[in-house]
Amino acid sequence: QSNDSSHPHGSSDGEDKEEKGDSPYGLALLGLSLFMDGLLGACQSTLKQTHHSSSSSTTFRPPSAMETMLYINLYATLILIPCSYYAGQFQHGMSMLFPSTDTIANTQAENT
């Protein structure tokens, strides 16, 4: 059998799979993402208001855009590292970031 270059997977043997529609899980994740994006915008506008302390004359300045991004990323890191460890993805990610010398040697041997 010869491969058909017009087929995305290079196969022309009639085993074409039907395209699946959008899954409810994917649509739920998309909806959650859009909802959280809207919620974040509302929270940021509240955070960026100038606050006056009633007990003293201290005025708190709103965080800059860079500070807001920094704090959001720090809080996300605090949440996502334990979640990735629980899901078993932390070890896989670390092995990709810091491959062992055996993995590097095997990769170099395969490329030569």
PDB file of N, CA and C in Angstrom:
ATOM      1  N   GLN A   1       0.837  -1.187   0.000  1.00  0.00           N
ATOM      2  CA  GLN A   1       0.000   0.000   0.000  1.00  0.00           C
ATOM      3  C   GLN A   1       0.876   1.242   0.000  1.00  0.00           C
ATOM      4  N   SER A   2       0.488   2.213  -0.762  1.00  0.00           N
ATOM      5  CA  SER A   2       1.226   3.469  -0.786  1.00  0.00           C
ATOM      6  C   SER A   2       0.504   4.490   0.063  1.00  0.00           C
ATOM      7  N   ASN A   3       1.273   5.369   0.652  1.00  0.00           N
ATOM      8  CA  ASN A   3       0.685   6.415   1.491  1.00  0.00           C
ATOM      9  C   ASN A   3       0.159   7.536   0.623  1.00  0.00           C
ATOM     10  N   ASP A   4      -1.012   8.006   0.931  1.00  0.00           N
ATOM     11  CA  ASP A   4      -1.619   9.120   0.220  1.00  0.00           C
ATOM     12  C   ASP A   4      -1.214  10.395   0.927  1.00  0.00           C
ATOM     13  N   SER A   5      -0.505  11.272   0.232  1.00  0.00           N
ATOM     14  CA  SER A   5       0.007  12.482   0.879  1.00  0.00           C
ATOM     15  C   SER A   5      -1.089  13.497   1.175  1.00  0.00           C
ATOM     16  N   SER A   6      -2.281  13.325   0.578  1.00  0.00           N
ATOM     17  CA  SER A   6      -3.355  14.279   0.846  1.00  0.00           C
ATOM     18  C   SER A   6      -4.057  13.984   2.167  1.00  0.00           C
ATOM     19  N   HIS A   7      -3.905  12.771   2.681  1.00  0.00           N
ATOM     20  CA  HIS A   7      -4.524  12.407   3.958  1.00  0.00           C
ATOM     21  C   HIS A   7      -3.645  12.927   5.085  1.00  0.00           C
ATOM     22  N   PRO A   8      -4.221  13.546   6.111  1.00  0.00           N
ATOM     23  CA  PRO A   8      -3.405  14.153   7.174  1.00  0.00           C
ATOM     24  C   PRO A   8      -2.536  13.163   7.925  1.00  0.00           C
ATOM     25  N   HIS A   9      -2.909  11.884   7.961  1.00  0.00           N
ATOM     26  CA  HIS A   9      -2.117  10.906   8.697  1.00  0.00           C
ATOM     27  C   HIS A   9      -1.328   9.992   7.769  1.00  0.00           C
ATOM     28  N   GLY A  10      -1.359  10.260   6.471  1.00  0.00           N
ATOM     29  CA  GLY A  10      -0.585   9.497   5.514  1.00  0.00           C
ATOM     30  C   GLY A  10      -1.142   8.110   5.247  1.00  0.00           C
ATOM     31  N   SER A  11      -2.388   7.849   5.568  1.00  0.00           N
ATOM     32  CA  SER A  11      -2.983   6.537   5.373  1.00  0.00           C
ATOM     33  C   SER A  11      -4.184   6.660   4.462  1.00  0.00           C
ATOM     34  N   SER A  12      -4.326   5.699   3.532  1.00  0.00           N
ATOM     35  CA  SER A  12      -5.476   5.727   2.631  1.00  0.00           C
ATOM     36  C   SER A  12      -6.186   4.389   2.615  1.00  0.00           C
ATOM     37  N   ASP A  13      -6.146   3.662   3.711  1.00  0.00           N
ATOM     38  CA  ASP A  13      -6.700   2.318   3.730  1.00  0.00           C
ATOM     39  C   ASP A  13      -8.148   2.254   4.171  1.00  0.00           C
ATOM     40  N   GLY A  14      -8.859   3.339   4.146  1.00  0.00           N
ATOM     41  CA  GLY A  14     -10.278   3.336   4.443  1.00  0.00           C
ATOM     42  C   GLY A  14     -10.610   3.293   5.919  1.00  0.00           C
ATOM     43  N   GLU A  15      -9.644   3.432   6.775  1.00  0.00           N
ATOM     44  CA  GLU A  15      -9.903   3.428   8.212  1.00  0.00           C
ATOM     45  C   GLU A  15     -10.036   4.845   8.756  1.00  0.00           C
ATOM     46  N   ASP A  16     -10.613   5.718   7.947  1.00  0.00           N
ATOM     47  CA  ASP A  16     -10.778   7.105   8.365  1.00  0.00           C
ATOM     48  C   ASP A  16     -11.763   7.165   9.522  1.00  0.00           C
ATOM     49  N   LYS A  17     -11.379   7.843  10.546  1.00  0.00           N
ATOM     50  CA  LYS A  17     -12.255   8.003  11.700  1.00  0.00           C
ATOM     51  C   LYS A  17     -13.143   9.216  11.472  1.00  0.00           C
ATOM     52  N   GLU A  18     -14.351   9.105  11.934  1.00  0.00           N
ATOM     53  CA  GLU A  18     -15.255  10.241  11.828  1.00  0.00           C
ATOM     54  C   GLU A  18     -14.828  11.305  12.823  1.00  0.00           C
ATOM     55  N   GLU A  19     -14.981  12.547  12.408  1.00  0.00           N
ATOM     56  CA  GLU A  19     -14.654  13.638  13.329  1.00  0.00           C
ATOM     57  C   GLU A  19     -15.697  13.680  14.424  1.00  0.00           C
ATOM     58  N   LYS A  20     -15.224  13.812  15.637  1.00  0.00           N
ATOM     59  CA  LYS A  20     -16.144  13.910  16.765  1.00  0.00           C
ATOM     60  C   LYS A  20     -16.513  15.366  16.978  1.00  0.00           C
ATOM     61  N   GLY A  21     -17.679  15.575  17.519  1.00  0.00           N
ATOM     62  CA  GLY A  21     -18.110  16.917  17.834  1.00  0.00           C
ATOM     63  C   GLY A  21     -17.454  17.412  19.109  1.00  0.00           C
ATOM     64  N   ASP A  22     -17.857  18.565  19.529  1.00  0.00           N
ATOM     65  CA  ASP A  22     -17.323  19.132  20.762  1.00  0.00           C
ATOM     66  C   ASP A  22     -17.797  18.312  21.953  1.00  0.00           C
ATOM     67  N   SER A  23     -16.866  17.987  22.839  1.00  0.00           N
ATOM     68  CA  SER A  23     -17.242  17.197  24.007  1.00  0.00           C
ATOM     69  C   SER A  23     -17.816  18.120  25.084  1.00  0.00           C
ATOM     70  N   PRO A  24     -18.731  17.618  25.888  1.00  0.00           N
ATOM     71  CA  PRO A  24     -19.271  18.425  26.984  1.00  0.00           C
ATOM     72  C   PRO A  24     -18.178  18.863  27.958  1.00  0.00           C
ATOM     73  N   TYR A  25     -17.191  17.990  28.176  1.00  0.00           N
ATOM     74  CA  TYR A  25     -16.096  18.330  29.089  1.00  0.00           C
ATOM     75  C   TYR A  25     -15.303  19.518  28.552  1.00  0.00           C
ATOM     76  N   GLY A  26     -14.973  19.495  27.263  1.00  0.00           N
ATOM     77  CA  GLY A  26     -14.231  20.599  26.652  1.00  0.00           C
ATOM     78  C   GLY A  26     -15.023  21.893  26.674  1.00  0.00           C
ATOM     79  N   LEU A  27     -16.319  21.794  26.393  1.00  0.00           N
ATOM     80  CA  LEU A  27     -17.166  22.992  26.424  1.00  0.00           C
ATOM     81  C   LEU A  27     -17.294  23.541  27.844  1.00  0.00           C
ATOM     82  N   ALA A  28     -17.352  22.632  28.816  1.00  0.00           N
ATOM     83  CA  ALA A  28     -17.414  23.083  30.216  1.00  0.00           C
ATOM     84  C   ALA A  28     -16.120  23.799  30.604  1.00  0.00           C
ATOM     85  N   LEU A  29     -14.971  23.258  30.174  1.00  0.00           N
ATOM     86  CA  LEU A  29     -13.698  23.926  30.466  1.00  0.00           C
ATOM     87  C   LEU A  29     -13.621  25.292  29.801  1.00  0.00           C
ATOM     88  N   LEU A  30     -14.093  25.383  28.563  1.00  0.00           N
ATOM     89  CA  LEU A  30     -14.109  26.670  27.865  1.00  0.00           C
ATOM     90  C   LEU A  30     -15.008  27.665  28.587  1.00  0.00           C
ATOM     91  N   GLY A  31     -16.199  27.208  28.991  1.00  0.00           N
ATOM     92  CA  GLY A  31     -17.117  28.082  29.721  1.00  0.00           C
ATOM     93  C   GLY A  31     -16.533  28.545  31.050  1.00  0.00           C
ATOM     94  N   LEU A  32     -15.889  27.629  31.764  1.00  0.00           N
ATOM     95  CA  LEU A  32     -15.258  27.979  33.032  1.00  0.00           C
ATOM     96  C   LEU A  32     -14.143  28.992  32.820  1.00  0.00           C
ATOM     97  N   SER A  33     -13.363  28.794  31.766  1.00  0.00           N
ATOM     98  CA  SER A  33     -12.273  29.721  31.467  1.00  0.00           C
ATOM     99  C   SER A  33     -12.811  31.125  31.176  1.00  0.00           C
ATOM    100  N   LEU A  34     -13.863  31.205  30.382  1.00  0.00           N
ATOM    101  CA  LEU A  34     -14.448  32.517  30.065  1.00  0.00           C
ATOM    102  C   LEU A  34     -15.064  33.159  31.303  1.00  0.00           C
ATOM    103  N   PHE A  35     -15.720  32.345  32.134  1.00  0.00           N
ATOM    104  CA  PHE A  35     -16.306  32.872  33.364  1.00  0.00           C
ATOM    105  C   PHE A  35     -15.231  33.427  34.291  1.00  0.00           C
ATOM    106  N   MET A  36     -14.143  32.671  34.468  1.00  0.00           N
ATOM    107  CA  MET A  36     -13.067  33.116  35.355  1.00  0.00           C
ATOM    108  C   MET A  36     -12.371  34.354  34.799  1.00  0.00           C
ATOM    109  N   ASP A  37     -12.272  34.455  33.475  1.00  0.00           N
ATOM    110  CA  ASP A  37     -11.677  35.644  32.867  1.00  0.00           C
ATOM    111  C   ASP A  37     -12.517  36.873  33.175  1.00  0.00           C
ATOM    112  N   GLY A  38     -13.824  36.736  33.074  1.00  0.00           N
ATOM    113  CA  GLY A  38     -14.709  37.852  33.416  1.00  0.00           C
ATOM    114  C   GLY A  38     -14.666  38.188  34.894  1.00  0.00           C
ATOM    115  N   LEU A  39     -14.603  37.172  35.736  1.00  0.00           N
ATOM    116  CA  LEU A  39     -14.523  37.388  37.179  1.00  0.00           C
ATOM    117  C   LEU A  39     -13.221  38.086  37.551  1.00  0.00           C
ATOM    118  N   LEU A  40     -12.132  37.690  36.901  1.00  0.00           N
ATOM    119  CA  LEU A  40     -10.834  38.305  37.178  1.00  0.00           C
ATOM    120  C   LEU A  40     -10.854  39.787  36.830  1.00  0.00           C
ATOM    121  N   GLY A  41     -11.482  40.131  35.709  1.00  0.00           N
ATOM    122  CA  GLY A  41     -11.577  41.544  35.333  1.00  0.00           C
ATOM    123  C   GLY A  41     -12.321  42.361  36.385  1.00  0.00           C
ATOM    124  N   ALA A  42     -13.398  41.803  36.903  1.00  0.00           N
ATOM    125  CA  ALA A  42     -14.162  42.501  37.939  1.00  0.00           C
ATOM    126  C   ALA A  42     -13.358  42.631  39.227  1.00  0.00           C
ATOM    127  N   CYS A  43     -12.632  41.588  39.582  1.00  0.00           N
ATOM    128  CA  CYS A  43     -11.818  41.629  40.799  1.00  0.00           C
ATOM    129  C   CYS A  43     -10.662  42.611  40.654  1.00  0.00           C
ATOM    130  N   GLN A  44     -10.064  42.670  39.477  1.00  0.00           N
ATOM    131  CA  GLN A  44      -8.946  43.589  39.273  1.00  0.00           C
ATOM    132  C   GLN A  44      -9.397  45.036  39.408  1.00  0.00           C
ATOM    133  N   SER A  45     -10.577  45.361  38.888  1.00  0.00           N
ATOM    134  CA  SER A  45     -11.038  46.745  39.021  1.00  0.00           C
ATOM    135  C   SER A  45     -11.293  47.088  40.489  1.00  0.00           C
ATOM    136  N   THR A  46     -11.749  46.126  41.277  1.00  0.00           N
ATOM    137  CA  THR A  46     -11.949  46.354  42.711  1.00  0.00           C
ATOM    138  C   THR A  46     -10.611  46.527  43.414  1.00  0.00           C
ATOM    139  N   LEU A  47      -9.634  45.719  43.050  1.00  0.00           N
ATOM    140  CA  LEU A  47      -8.318  45.808  43.679  1.00  0.00           C
ATOM    141  C   LEU A  47      -7.598  47.104  43.345  1.00  0.00           C
ATOM    142  N   LYS A  48      -7.877  47.639  42.178  1.00  0.00           N
ATOM    143  CA  LYS A  48      -7.137  48.816  41.740  1.00  0.00           C
ATOM    144  C   LYS A  48      -7.734  50.133  42.246  1.00  0.00           C
ATOM    145  N   GLN A  49      -8.790  50.056  43.019  1.00  0.00           N
ATOM    146  CA  GLN A  49      -9.330  51.261  43.621  1.00  0.00           C
ATOM    147  C   GLN A  49      -8.407  51.723  44.747  1.00  0.00           C
ATOM    148  N   THR A  50      -8.297  53.021  44.937  1.00  0.00           N
ATOM    149  CA  THR A  50      -7.490  53.567  46.023  1.00  0.00           C
ATOM    150  C   THR A  50      -8.251  53.388  47.326  1.00  0.00           C
ATOM    151  N   HIS A  51      -7.598  52.778  48.306  1.00  0.00           N
ATOM    152  CA  HIS A  51      -8.236  52.507  49.588  1.00  0.00           C
ATOM    153  C   HIS A  51      -7.676  53.442  50.650  1.00  0.00           C
ATOM    154  N   HIS A  52      -8.578  53.996  51.455  1.00  0.00           N
ATOM    155  CA  HIS A  52      -8.188  54.850  52.577  1.00  0.00           C
ATOM    156  C   HIS A  52      -8.513  54.105  53.860  1.00  0.00           C
ATOM    157  N   SER A  53      -7.541  53.999  54.726  1.00  0.00           N
ATOM    158  CA  SER A  53      -7.744  53.334  56.001  1.00  0.00           C
ATOM    159  C   SER A  53      -8.480  54.277  56.937  1.00  0.00           C
ATOM    160  N   SER A  54      -9.530  53.780  57.556  1.00  0.00           N
ATOM    161  CA  SER A  54     -10.325  54.630  58.447  1.00  0.00           C
ATOM    162  C   SER A  54      -9.622  54.864  59.785  1.00  0.00           C
ATOM    163  N   SER A  55      -8.748  53.940  60.207  1.00  0.00           N
ATOM    164  CA  SER A  55      -8.099  54.077  61.504  1.00  0.00           C
ATOM    165  C   SER A  55      -6.870  54.983  61.436  1.00  0.00           C
ATOM    166  N   SER A  56      -6.328  55.208  60.257  1.00  0.00           N
ATOM    167  CA  SER A  56      -5.171  56.083  60.137  1.00  0.00           C
ATOM    168  C   SER A  56      -5.271  56.843  58.816  1.00  0.00           C
ATOM    169  N   SER A  57      -4.320  57.688  58.603  1.00  0.00           N
ATOM    170  CA  SER A  57      -4.340  58.489  57.386  1.00  0.00           C
ATOM    171  C   SER A  57      -3.582  57.815  56.238  1.00  0.00           C
ATOM    172  N   THR A  58      -3.378  56.505  56.343  1.00  0.00           N
ATOM    173  CA  THR A  58      -2.630  55.766  55.323  1.00  0.00           C
ATOM    174  C   THR A  58      -3.501  55.545  54.090  1.00  0.00           C
ATOM    175  N   THR A  59      -2.926  55.838  52.946  1.00  0.00           N
ATOM    176  CA  THR A  59      -3.598  55.585  51.677  1.00  0.00           C
ATOM    177  C   THR A  59      -2.825  54.502  50.940  1.00  0.00           C
ATOM    178  N   PHE A  60      -3.545  53.466  50.521  1.00  0.00           N
ATOM    179  CA  PHE A  60      -2.915  52.377  49.795  1.00  0.00           C
ATOM    180  C   PHE A  60      -3.063  52.620  48.306  1.00  0.00           C
ATOM    181  N   ARG A  61      -1.932  52.567  47.598  1.00  0.00           N
ATOM    182  CA  ARG A  61      -1.996  52.755  46.157  1.00  0.00           C
ATOM    183  C   ARG A  61      -2.411  51.461  45.479  1.00  0.00           C
ATOM    184  N   PRO A  62      -3.085  51.542  44.359  1.00  0.00           N
ATOM    185  CA  PRO A  62      -3.452  50.315  43.654  1.00  0.00           C
ATOM    186  C   PRO A  62      -2.218  49.663  43.043  1.00  0.00           C
ATOM    187  N   PRO A  63      -2.222  48.355  42.895  1.00  0.00           N
ATOM    188  CA  PRO A  63      -1.064  47.696  42.288  1.00  0.00           C
ATOM    189  C   PRO A  63      -0.963  48.034  40.804  1.00  0.00           C
ATOM    190  N   SER A  64       0.263  48.082  40.303  1.00  0.00           N
ATOM    191  CA  SER A  64       0.451  48.329  38.875  1.00  0.00           C
ATOM    192  C   SER A  64       0.076  47.066  38.103  1.00  0.00           C
ATOM    193  N   ALA A  65       0.029  47.171  36.794  1.00  0.00           N
ATOM    194  CA  ALA A  65      -0.303  46.008  35.962  1.00  0.00           C
ATOM    195  C   ALA A  65       0.733  44.904  36.137  1.00  0.00           C
ATOM    196  N   MET A  66       1.994  45.284  36.222  1.00  0.00           N
ATOM    197  CA  MET A  66       3.049  44.287  36.392  1.00  0.00           C
ATOM    198  C   MET A  66       2.946  43.598  37.751  1.00  0.00           C
ATOM    199  N   GLU A  67       2.641  44.354  38.800  1.00  0.00           N
ATOM    200  CA  GLU A  67       2.480  43.752  40.125  1.00  0.00           C
ATOM    201  C   GLU A  67       1.287  42.804  40.149  1.00  0.00           C
ATOM    202  N   THR A  68       0.213  43.188  39.481  1.00  0.00           N
ATOM    203  CA  THR A  68      -0.968  42.329  39.432  1.00  0.00           C
ATOM    204  C   THR A  68      -0.641  41.015  38.739  1.00  0.00           C
ATOM    205  N   MET A  69       0.052  41.082  37.607  1.00  0.00           N
ATOM    206  CA  MET A  69       0.439  39.848  36.896  1.00  0.00           C
ATOM    207  C   MET A  69       1.370  38.994  37.745  1.00  0.00           C
ATOM    208  N   LEU A  70       2.314  39.634  38.445  1.00  0.00           N
ATOM    209  CA  LEU A  70       3.233  38.899  39.298  1.00  0.00           C
ATOM    210  C   LEU A  70       2.484  38.153  40.391  1.00  0.00           C
ATOM    211  N   TYR A  71       1.571  38.840  41.080  1.00  0.00           N
ATOM    212  CA  TYR A  71       0.852  38.200  42.181  1.00  0.00           C
ATOM    213  C   TYR A  71      -0.065  37.091  41.685  1.00  0.00           C
ATOM    214  N   ILE A  72      -0.712  37.288  40.539  1.00  0.00           N
ATOM    215  CA  ILE A  72      -1.572  36.243  39.989  1.00  0.00           C
ATOM    216  C   ILE A  72      -0.739  35.008  39.650  1.00  0.00           C
ATOM    217  N   ASN A  73       0.425  35.216  39.032  1.00  0.00           N
ATOM    218  CA  ASN A  73       1.279  34.079  38.684  1.00  0.00           C
ATOM    219  C   ASN A  73       1.839  33.385  39.923  1.00  0.00           C
ATOM    220  N   LEU A  74       2.177  34.141  40.960  1.00  0.00           N
ATOM    221  CA  LEU A  74       2.666  33.527  42.197  1.00  0.00           C
ATOM    222  C   LEU A  74       1.584  32.679  42.859  1.00  0.00           C
ATOM    223  N   TYR A  75       0.360  33.220  42.918  1.00  0.00           N
ATOM    224  CA  TYR A  75      -0.730  32.455  43.516  1.00  0.00           C
ATOM    225  C   TYR A  75      -1.066  31.235  42.670  1.00  0.00           C
ATOM    226  N   ALA A  76      -1.025  31.358  41.350  1.00  0.00           N
ATOM    227  CA  ALA A  76      -1.277  30.209  40.481  1.00  0.00           C
ATOM    228  C   ALA A  76      -0.215  29.140  40.692  1.00  0.00           C
ATOM    229  N   THR A  77       1.033  29.557  40.870  1.00  0.00           N
ATOM    230  CA  THR A  77       2.110  28.600  41.115  1.00  0.00           C
ATOM    231  C   THR A  77       1.888  27.875  42.434  1.00  0.00           C
ATOM    232  N   LEU A  78       1.469  28.603  43.455  1.00  0.00           N
ATOM    233  CA  LEU A  78       1.205  27.979  44.755  1.00  0.00           C
ATOM    234  C   LEU A  78       0.086  26.951  44.676  1.00  0.00           C
ATOM    235  N   ILE A  79      -0.853  27.154  43.782  1.00  0.00           N
ATOM    236  CA  ILE A  79      -1.965  26.219  43.634  1.00  0.00           C
ATOM    237  C   ILE A  79      -1.608  25.079  42.682  1.00  0.00           C
ATOM    238  N   LEU A  80      -0.953  25.408  41.561  1.00  0.00           N
ATOM    239  CA  LEU A  80      -0.740  24.408  40.516  1.00  0.00           C
ATOM    240  C   LEU A  80       0.378  23.415  40.810  1.00  0.00           C
ATOM    241  N   ILE A  81       1.398  23.805  41.562  1.00  0.00           N
ATOM    242  CA  ILE A  81       2.461  22.846  41.872  1.00  0.00           C
ATOM    243  C   ILE A  81       1.923  21.678  42.705  1.00  0.00           C
ATOM    244  N   PRO A  82       1.185  21.921  43.786  1.00  0.00           N
ATOM    245  CA  PRO A  82       0.625  20.767  44.510  1.00  0.00           C
ATOM    246  C   PRO A  82      -0.367  19.954  43.662  1.00  0.00           C
ATOM    247  N   CYS A  83      -1.151  20.625  42.826  1.00  0.00           N
ATOM    248  CA  CYS A  83      -2.099  19.902  41.964  1.00  0.00           C
ATOM    249  C   CYS A  83      -1.362  19.018  40.966  1.00  0.00           C
ATOM    250  N   SER A  84      -0.285  19.529  40.378  1.00  0.00           N
ATOM    251  CA  SER A  84       0.467  18.726  39.404  1.00  0.00           C
ATOM    252  C   SER A  84       1.179  17.566  40.099  1.00  0.00           C
ATOM    253  N   TYR A  85       1.623  17.780  41.322  1.00  0.00           N
ATOM    254  CA  TYR A  85       2.252  16.693  42.075  1.00  0.00           C
ATOM    255  C   TYR A  85       1.235  15.598  42.371  1.00  0.00           C
ATOM    256  N   TYR A  86       0.042  15.998  42.781  1.00  0.00           N
ATOM    257  CA  TYR A  86      -1.027  15.036  43.079  1.00  0.00           C
ATOM    258  C   TYR A  86      -1.428  14.262  41.823  1.00  0.00           C
ATOM    259  N   ALA A  87      -1.460  14.944  40.671  1.00  0.00           N
ATOM    260  CA  ALA A  87      -1.856  14.295  39.417  1.00  0.00           C
ATOM    261  C   ALA A  87      -0.735  13.468  38.798  1.00  0.00           C
ATOM    262  N   GLY A  88       0.463  13.562  39.355  1.00  0.00           N
ATOM    263  CA  GLY A  88       1.582  12.794  38.837  1.00  0.00           C
ATOM    264  C   GLY A  88       2.304  13.454  37.676  1.00  0.00           C
ATOM    265  N   GLN A  89       1.977  14.686  37.364  1.00  0.00           N
ATOM    266  CA  GLN A  89       2.601  15.379  36.246  1.00  0.00           C
ATOM    267  C   GLN A  89       3.845  16.157  36.655  1.00  0.00           C
ATOM    268  N   PHE A  90       4.023  16.399  37.927  1.00  0.00           N
ATOM    269  CA  PHE A  90       5.171  17.177  38.390  1.00  0.00           C
ATOM    270  C   PHE A  90       6.482  16.461  38.074  1.00  0.00           C
ATOM    271  N   GLN A  91       6.531  15.168  38.370  1.00  0.00           N
ATOM    272  CA  GLN A  91       7.754  14.405  38.138  1.00  0.00           C
ATOM    273  C   GLN A  91       8.067  14.338  36.644  1.00  0.00           C
ATOM    274  N   HIS A  92       7.042  14.150  35.824  1.00  0.00           N
ATOM    275  CA  HIS A  92       7.248  14.106  34.377  1.00  0.00           C
ATOM    276  C   HIS A  92       7.780  15.446  33.864  1.00  0.00           C
ATOM    277  N   GLY A  93       7.230  16.532  34.354  1.00  0.00           N
ATOM    278  CA  GLY A  93       7.690  17.865  33.943  1.00  0.00           C
ATOM    279  C   GLY A  93       9.123  18.133  34.371  1.00  0.00           C
ATOM    280  N   MET A  94       9.467  17.736  35.575  1.00  0.00           N
ATOM    281  CA  MET A  94      10.836  17.935  36.047  1.00  0.00           C
ATOM    282  C   MET A  94      11.825  17.085  35.252  1.00  0.00           C
ATOM    283  N   SER A  95      11.409  15.870  34.869  1.00  0.00           N
ATOM    284  CA  SER A  95      12.309  15.035  34.069  1.00  0.00           C
ATOM    285  C   SER A  95      12.501  15.618  32.671  1.00  0.00           C
ATOM    286  N   MET A  96      11.516  16.355  32.186  1.00  0.00           N
ATOM    287  CA  MET A  96      11.680  17.015  30.890  1.00  0.00           C
ATOM    288  C   MET A  96      12.557  18.252  31.015  1.00  0.00           C
ATOM    289  N   LEU A  97      12.424  18.978  32.116  1.00  0.00           N
ATOM    290  CA  LEU A  97      13.237  20.183  32.321  1.00  0.00           C
ATOM    291  C   LEU A  97      14.685  19.841  32.632  1.00  0.00           C
ATOM    292  N   PHE A  98      14.887  18.818  33.442  1.00  0.00           N
ATOM    293  CA  PHE A  98      16.222  18.436  33.878  1.00  0.00           C
ATOM    294  C   PHE A  98      16.472  16.969  33.530  1.00  0.00           C
ATOM    295  N   PRO A  99      16.724  16.685  32.254  1.00  0.00           N
ATOM    296  CA  PRO A  99      16.922  15.284  31.876  1.00  0.00           C
ATOM    297  C   PRO A  99      18.213  14.744  32.479  1.00  0.00           C
ATOM    298  N   SER A 100      18.206  13.454  32.754  1.00  0.00           N
ATOM    299  CA  SER A 100      19.409  12.829  33.311  1.00  0.00           C
ATOM    300  C   SER A 100      20.463  12.709  32.222  1.00  0.00           C
ATOM    301  N   THR A 101      21.683  12.476  32.624  1.00  0.00           N
ATOM    302  CA  THR A 101      22.769  12.348  31.651  1.00  0.00           C
ATOM    303  C   THR A 101      22.580  11.129  30.771  1.00  0.00           C
ATOM    304  N   ASP A 102      21.923  10.081  31.279  1.00  0.00           N
ATOM    305  CA  ASP A 102      21.640   8.897  30.465  1.00  0.00           C
ATOM    306  C   ASP A 102      20.707   9.240  29.313  1.00  0.00           C
ATOM    307  N   THR A 103      19.691  10.054  29.586  1.00  0.00           N
ATOM    308  CA  THR A 103      18.750  10.445  28.557  1.00  0.00           C
ATOM    309  C   THR A 103      19.436  11.294  27.489  1.00  0.00           C
ATOM    310  N   ILE A 104      20.304  12.199  27.907  1.00  0.00           N
ATOM    311  CA  ILE A 104      21.032  13.049  26.956  1.00  0.00           C
ATOM    312  C   ILE A 104      21.951  12.200  26.095  1.00  0.00           C
ATOM    313  N   ALA A 105      22.663  11.243  26.711  1.00  0.00           N
ATOM    314  CA  ALA A 105      23.566  10.378  25.952  1.00  0.00           C
ATOM    315  C   ALA A 105      22.791   9.519  24.963  1.00  0.00           C
ATOM    316  N   ASN A 106      21.628   8.983  25.367  1.00  0.00           N
ATOM    317  CA  ASN A 106      20.823   8.168  24.468  1.00  0.00           C
ATOM    318  C   ASN A 106      20.308   8.990  23.289  1.00  0.00           C
ATOM    319  N   THR A 107      19.899  10.222  23.544  1.00  0.00           N
ATOM    320  CA  THR A 107      19.401  11.083  22.488  1.00  0.00           C
ATOM    321  C   THR A 107      20.510  11.420  21.509  1.00  0.00           C
ATOM    322  N   GLN A 108      21.699  11.718  21.992  1.00  0.00           N
ATOM    323  CA  GLN A 108      22.817  12.038  21.115  1.00  0.00           C
ATOM    324  C   GLN A 108      23.238  10.820  20.310  1.00  0.00           C
ATOM    325  N   ALA A 109      23.178   9.629  20.901  1.00  0.00           N
ATOM    326  CA  ALA A 109      23.551   8.416  20.186  1.00  0.00           C
ATOM    327  C   ALA A 109      22.557   8.112  19.079  1.00  0.00           C
ATOM    328  N   GLU A 110      21.268   8.391  19.306  1.00  0.00           N
ATOM    329  CA  GLU A 110      20.249   8.160  18.290  1.00  0.00           C
ATOM    330  C   GLU A 110      20.396   9.130  17.122  1.00  0.00           C
ATOM    331  N   ASN A 111      20.844  10.336  17.386  1.00  0.00           N
ATOM    332  CA  ASN A 111      20.961  11.347  16.339  1.00  0.00           C
ATOM    333  C   ASN A 111      22.206  11.159  15.473  1.00  0.00           C
ATOM    334  N   THR A 112      23.164  10.354  15.922  1.00  0.00           N
ATOM    335  CA  THR A 112      24.384  10.163  15.116  1.00  0.00           C
ATOM    336  C   THR A 112      24.308   8.940  14.262  1.00  0.00           C
TER     337      THR A 112
END
